[in-house]
Amino acid sequence: MFIHNSTNIGNYIESVRNKKTQKELLFGFFHKIYYNLKIIHC
């Protein structure tokens, strides 16, 4: 499904949403590594 936004506001919101999801994925990735290291150290 491809939605084309002709407005700059729509593109801005989309880019912000993408950055937010990327940040959440990255945070989850680091949290998973940290959690695994914690288990190994215990």
PDB file of N, CA and C in Angstrom:
ATOM      1  N   MET A   1       0.840  -1.195   0.000  1.00  0.00           N
ATOM      2  CA  MET A   1       0.000   0.000   0.000  1.00  0.00           C
ATOM      3  C   MET A   1       0.877   1.248   0.000  1.00  0.00           C
ATOM      4  N   PHE A   2       0.747   2.053  -1.019  1.00  0.00           N
ATOM      5  CA  PHE A   2       1.577   3.249  -1.153  1.00  0.00           C
ATOM      6  C   PHE A   2       0.717   4.503  -1.124  1.00  0.00           C
ATOM      7  N   ILE A   3       0.972   5.358  -0.154  1.00  0.00           N
ATOM      8  CA  ILE A   3       0.223   6.612  -0.032  1.00  0.00           C
ATOM      9  C   ILE A   3       1.142   7.770  -0.388  1.00  0.00           C
ATOM     10  N   HIS A   4       0.723   8.587  -1.355  1.00  0.00           N
ATOM     11  CA  HIS A   4       1.540   9.718  -1.778  1.00  0.00           C
ATOM     12  C   HIS A   4       1.034  11.000  -1.139  1.00  0.00           C
ATOM     13  N   ASN A   5       1.883  11.655  -0.345  1.00  0.00           N
ATOM     14  CA  ASN A   5       1.532  12.938   0.266  1.00  0.00           C
ATOM     15  C   ASN A   5       2.090  14.068  -0.590  1.00  0.00           C
ATOM     16  N   SER A   6       1.201  14.919  -1.085  1.00  0.00           N
ATOM     17  CA  SER A   6       1.648  16.029  -1.920  1.00  0.00           C
ATOM     18  C   SER A   6       2.039  17.230  -1.074  1.00  0.00           C
ATOM     19  N   THR A   7       1.573  17.263   0.184  1.00  0.00           N
ATOM     20  CA  THR A   7       1.877  18.407   1.050  1.00  0.00           C
ATOM     21  C   THR A   7       3.173  18.204   1.815  1.00  0.00           C
ATOM     22  N   ASN A   8       3.866  19.305   2.090  1.00  0.00           N
ATOM     23  CA  ASN A   8       5.113  19.260   2.854  1.00  0.00           C
ATOM     24  C   ASN A   8       4.858  18.807   4.291  1.00  0.00           C
ATOM     25  N   ILE A   9       3.711  19.210   4.844  1.00  0.00           N
ATOM     26  CA  ILE A   9       3.357  18.835   6.213  1.00  0.00           C
ATOM     27  C   ILE A   9       3.222  17.320   6.319  1.00  0.00           C
ATOM     28  N   GLY A  10       2.580  16.727   5.343  1.00  0.00           N
ATOM     29  CA  GLY A  10       2.408  15.267   5.330  1.00  0.00           C
ATOM     30  C   GLY A  10       3.743  14.553   5.264  1.00  0.00           C
ATOM     31  N   ASN A  11       4.655  15.047   4.429  1.00  0.00           N
ATOM     32  CA  ASN A  11       5.996  14.462   4.309  1.00  0.00           C
ATOM     33  C   ASN A  11       6.786  14.620   5.603  1.00  0.00           C
ATOM     34  N   TYR A  12       6.628  15.794   6.248  1.00  0.00           N
ATOM     35  CA  TYR A  12       7.326  16.061   7.504  1.00  0.00           C
ATOM     36  C   TYR A  12       6.856  15.100   8.596  1.00  0.00           C
ATOM     37  N   ILE A  13       5.539  14.945   8.721  1.00  0.00           N
ATOM     38  CA  ILE A  13       4.971  14.028   9.716  1.00  0.00           C
ATOM     39  C   ILE A  13       5.451  12.604   9.468  1.00  0.00           C
ATOM     40  N   GLU A  14       5.479  12.212   8.203  1.00  0.00           N
ATOM     41  CA  GLU A  14       5.921  10.857   7.829  1.00  0.00           C
ATOM     42  C   GLU A  14       7.385  10.635   8.209  1.00  0.00           C
ATOM     43  N   SER A  15       8.246  11.632   7.938  1.00  0.00           N
ATOM     44  CA  SER A  15       9.669  11.508   8.261  1.00  0.00           C
ATOM     45  C   SER A  15       9.881  11.457   9.765  1.00  0.00           C
ATOM     46  N   VAL A  16       9.123  12.253  10.509  1.00  0.00           N
ATOM     47  CA  VAL A  16       9.221  12.252  11.974  1.00  0.00           C
ATOM     48  C   VAL A  16       8.794  10.897  12.518  1.00  0.00           C
ATOM     49  N   ARG A  17       7.717  10.353  11.967  1.00  0.00           N
ATOM     50  CA  ARG A  17       7.216   9.042  12.400  1.00  0.00           C
ATOM     51  C   ARG A  17       8.244   7.954  12.115  1.00  0.00           C
ATOM     52  N   ASN A  18       8.897   8.026  10.944  1.00  0.00           N
ATOM     53  CA  ASN A  18       9.923   7.043  10.581  1.00  0.00           C
ATOM     54  C   ASN A  18      11.129   7.133  11.514  1.00  0.00           C
ATOM     55  N   LYS A  19      11.539   8.358  11.840  1.00  0.00           N
ATOM     56  CA  LYS A  19      12.671   8.546  12.758  1.00  0.00           C
ATOM     57  C   LYS A  19      12.327   7.988  14.134  1.00  0.00           C
ATOM     58  N   LYS A  20      11.079   8.203  14.569  1.00  0.00           N
ATOM     59  CA  LYS A  20      10.664   7.730  15.882  1.00  0.00           C
ATOM     60  C   LYS A  20      10.709   6.199  15.936  1.00  0.00           C
ATOM     61  N   THR A  21      10.213   5.545  14.898  1.00  0.00           N
ATOM     62  CA  THR A  21      10.211   4.079  14.874  1.00  0.00           C
ATOM     63  C   THR A  21      11.634   3.535  14.791  1.00  0.00           C
ATOM     64  N   GLN A  22      12.513   4.218  14.038  1.00  0.00           N
ATOM     65  CA  GLN A  22      13.920   3.808  13.951  1.00  0.00           C
ATOM     66  C   GLN A  22      14.586   3.910  15.316  1.00  0.00           C
ATOM     67  N   LYS A  23      14.272   5.002  16.034  1.00  0.00           N
ATOM     68  CA  LYS A  23      14.850   5.210  17.361  1.00  0.00           C
ATOM     69  C   LYS A  23      14.362   4.132  18.323  1.00  0.00           C
ATOM     70  N   GLU A  24      13.080   3.774  18.228  1.00  0.00           N
ATOM     71  CA  GLU A  24      12.519   2.732  19.091  1.00  0.00           C
ATOM     72  C   GLU A  24      13.127   1.371  18.786  1.00  0.00           C
ATOM     73  N   LEU A  25      13.349   1.079  17.512  1.00  0.00           N
ATOM     74  CA  LEU A  25      13.987  -0.180  17.125  1.00  0.00           C
ATOM     75  C   LEU A  25      15.419  -0.245  17.639  1.00  0.00           C
ATOM     76  N   LEU A  26      16.134   0.865  17.522  1.00  0.00           N
ATOM     77  CA  LEU A  26      17.515   0.941  17.974  1.00  0.00           C
ATOM     78  C   LEU A  26      17.585   0.771  19.492  1.00  0.00           C
ATOM     79  N   PHE A  27      16.674   1.444  20.202  1.00  0.00           N
ATOM     80  CA  PHE A  27      16.611   1.335  21.658  1.00  0.00           C
ATOM     81  C   PHE A  27      16.309  -0.097  22.085  1.00  0.00           C
ATOM     82  N   GLY A  28      15.366  -0.733  21.402  1.00  0.00           N
ATOM     83  CA  GLY A  28      15.022  -2.120  21.690  1.00  0.00           C
ATOM     84  C   GLY A  28      16.189  -3.057  21.449  1.00  0.00           C
ATOM     85  N   PHE A  29      16.957  -2.771  20.399  1.00  0.00           N
ATOM     86  CA  PHE A  29      18.127  -3.569  20.047  1.00  0.00           C
ATOM     87  C   PHE A  29      19.189  -3.480  21.146  1.00  0.00           C
ATOM     88  N   PHE A  30      19.484  -2.250  21.590  1.00  0.00           N
ATOM     89  CA  PHE A  30      20.473  -2.056  22.648  1.00  0.00           C
ATOM     90  C   PHE A  30      19.993  -2.638  23.972  1.00  0.00           C
ATOM     91  N   HIS A  31      18.703  -2.506  24.228  1.00  0.00           N
ATOM     92  CA  HIS A  31      18.128  -3.052  25.461  1.00  0.00           C
ATOM     93  C   HIS A  31      18.263  -4.570  25.480  1.00  0.00           C
ATOM     94  N   LYS A  32      18.067  -5.186  24.334  1.00  0.00           N
ATOM     95  CA  LYS A  32      18.184  -6.655  24.217  1.00  0.00           C
ATOM     96  C   LYS A  32      19.623  -7.088  24.491  1.00  0.00           C
ATOM     97  N   ILE A  33      20.601  -6.350  23.925  1.00  0.00           N
ATOM     98  CA  ILE A  33      22.023  -6.655  24.153  1.00  0.00           C
ATOM     99  C   ILE A  33      22.358  -6.489  25.629  1.00  0.00           C
ATOM    100  N   TYR A  34      21.900  -5.372  26.216  1.00  0.00           N
ATOM    101  CA  TYR A  34      22.161  -5.093  27.630  1.00  0.00           C
ATOM    102  C   TYR A  34      21.563  -6.187  28.511  1.00  0.00           C
ATOM    103  N   TYR A  35      20.357  -6.614  28.191  1.00  0.00           N
ATOM    104  CA  TYR A  35      19.677  -7.653  28.961  1.00  0.00           C
ATOM    105  C   TYR A  35      20.434  -8.976  28.870  1.00  0.00           C
ATOM    106  N   ASN A  36      20.905  -9.300  27.674  1.00  0.00           N
ATOM    107  CA  ASN A  36      21.684 -10.535  27.477  1.00  0.00           C
ATOM    108  C   ASN A  36      23.003 -10.492  28.240  1.00  0.00           C
ATOM    109  N   LEU A  37      23.671  -9.345  28.246  1.00  0.00           N
ATOM    110  CA  LEU A  37      24.924  -9.191  28.985  1.00  0.00           C
ATOM    111  C   LEU A  37      24.679  -9.329  30.485  1.00  0.00           C
ATOM    112  N   LYS A  38      23.553  -8.796  30.933  1.00  0.00           N
ATOM    113  CA  LYS A  38      23.194  -8.875  32.340  1.00  0.00           C
ATOM    114  C   LYS A  38      23.022 -10.338  32.762  1.00  0.00           C
ATOM    115  N   ILE A  39      22.366 -11.123  31.915  1.00  0.00           N
ATOM    116  CA  ILE A  39      22.155 -12.547  32.188  1.00  0.00           C
ATOM    117  C   ILE A  39      23.499 -13.277  32.237  1.00  0.00           C
ATOM    118  N   ILE A  40      24.398 -12.951  31.313  1.00  0.00           N
ATOM    119  CA  ILE A  40      25.722 -13.596  31.246  1.00  0.00           C
ATOM    120  C   ILE A  40      26.526 -13.265  32.510  1.00  0.00           C
ATOM    121  N   HIS A  41      26.488 -12.008  32.939  1.00  0.00           N
ATOM    122  CA  HIS A  41      27.231 -11.589  34.124  1.00  0.00           C
ATOM    123  C   HIS A  41      26.680 -12.231  35.394  1.00  0.00           C
ATOM    124  N   CYS A  42      25.376 -12.438  35.437  1.00  0.00           N
ATOM    125  CA  CYS A  42      24.773 -13.104  36.595  1.00  0.00           C
ATOM    126  C   CYS A  42      25.136 -14.587  36.576  1.00  0.00           C
TER     127      CYS A  42
END
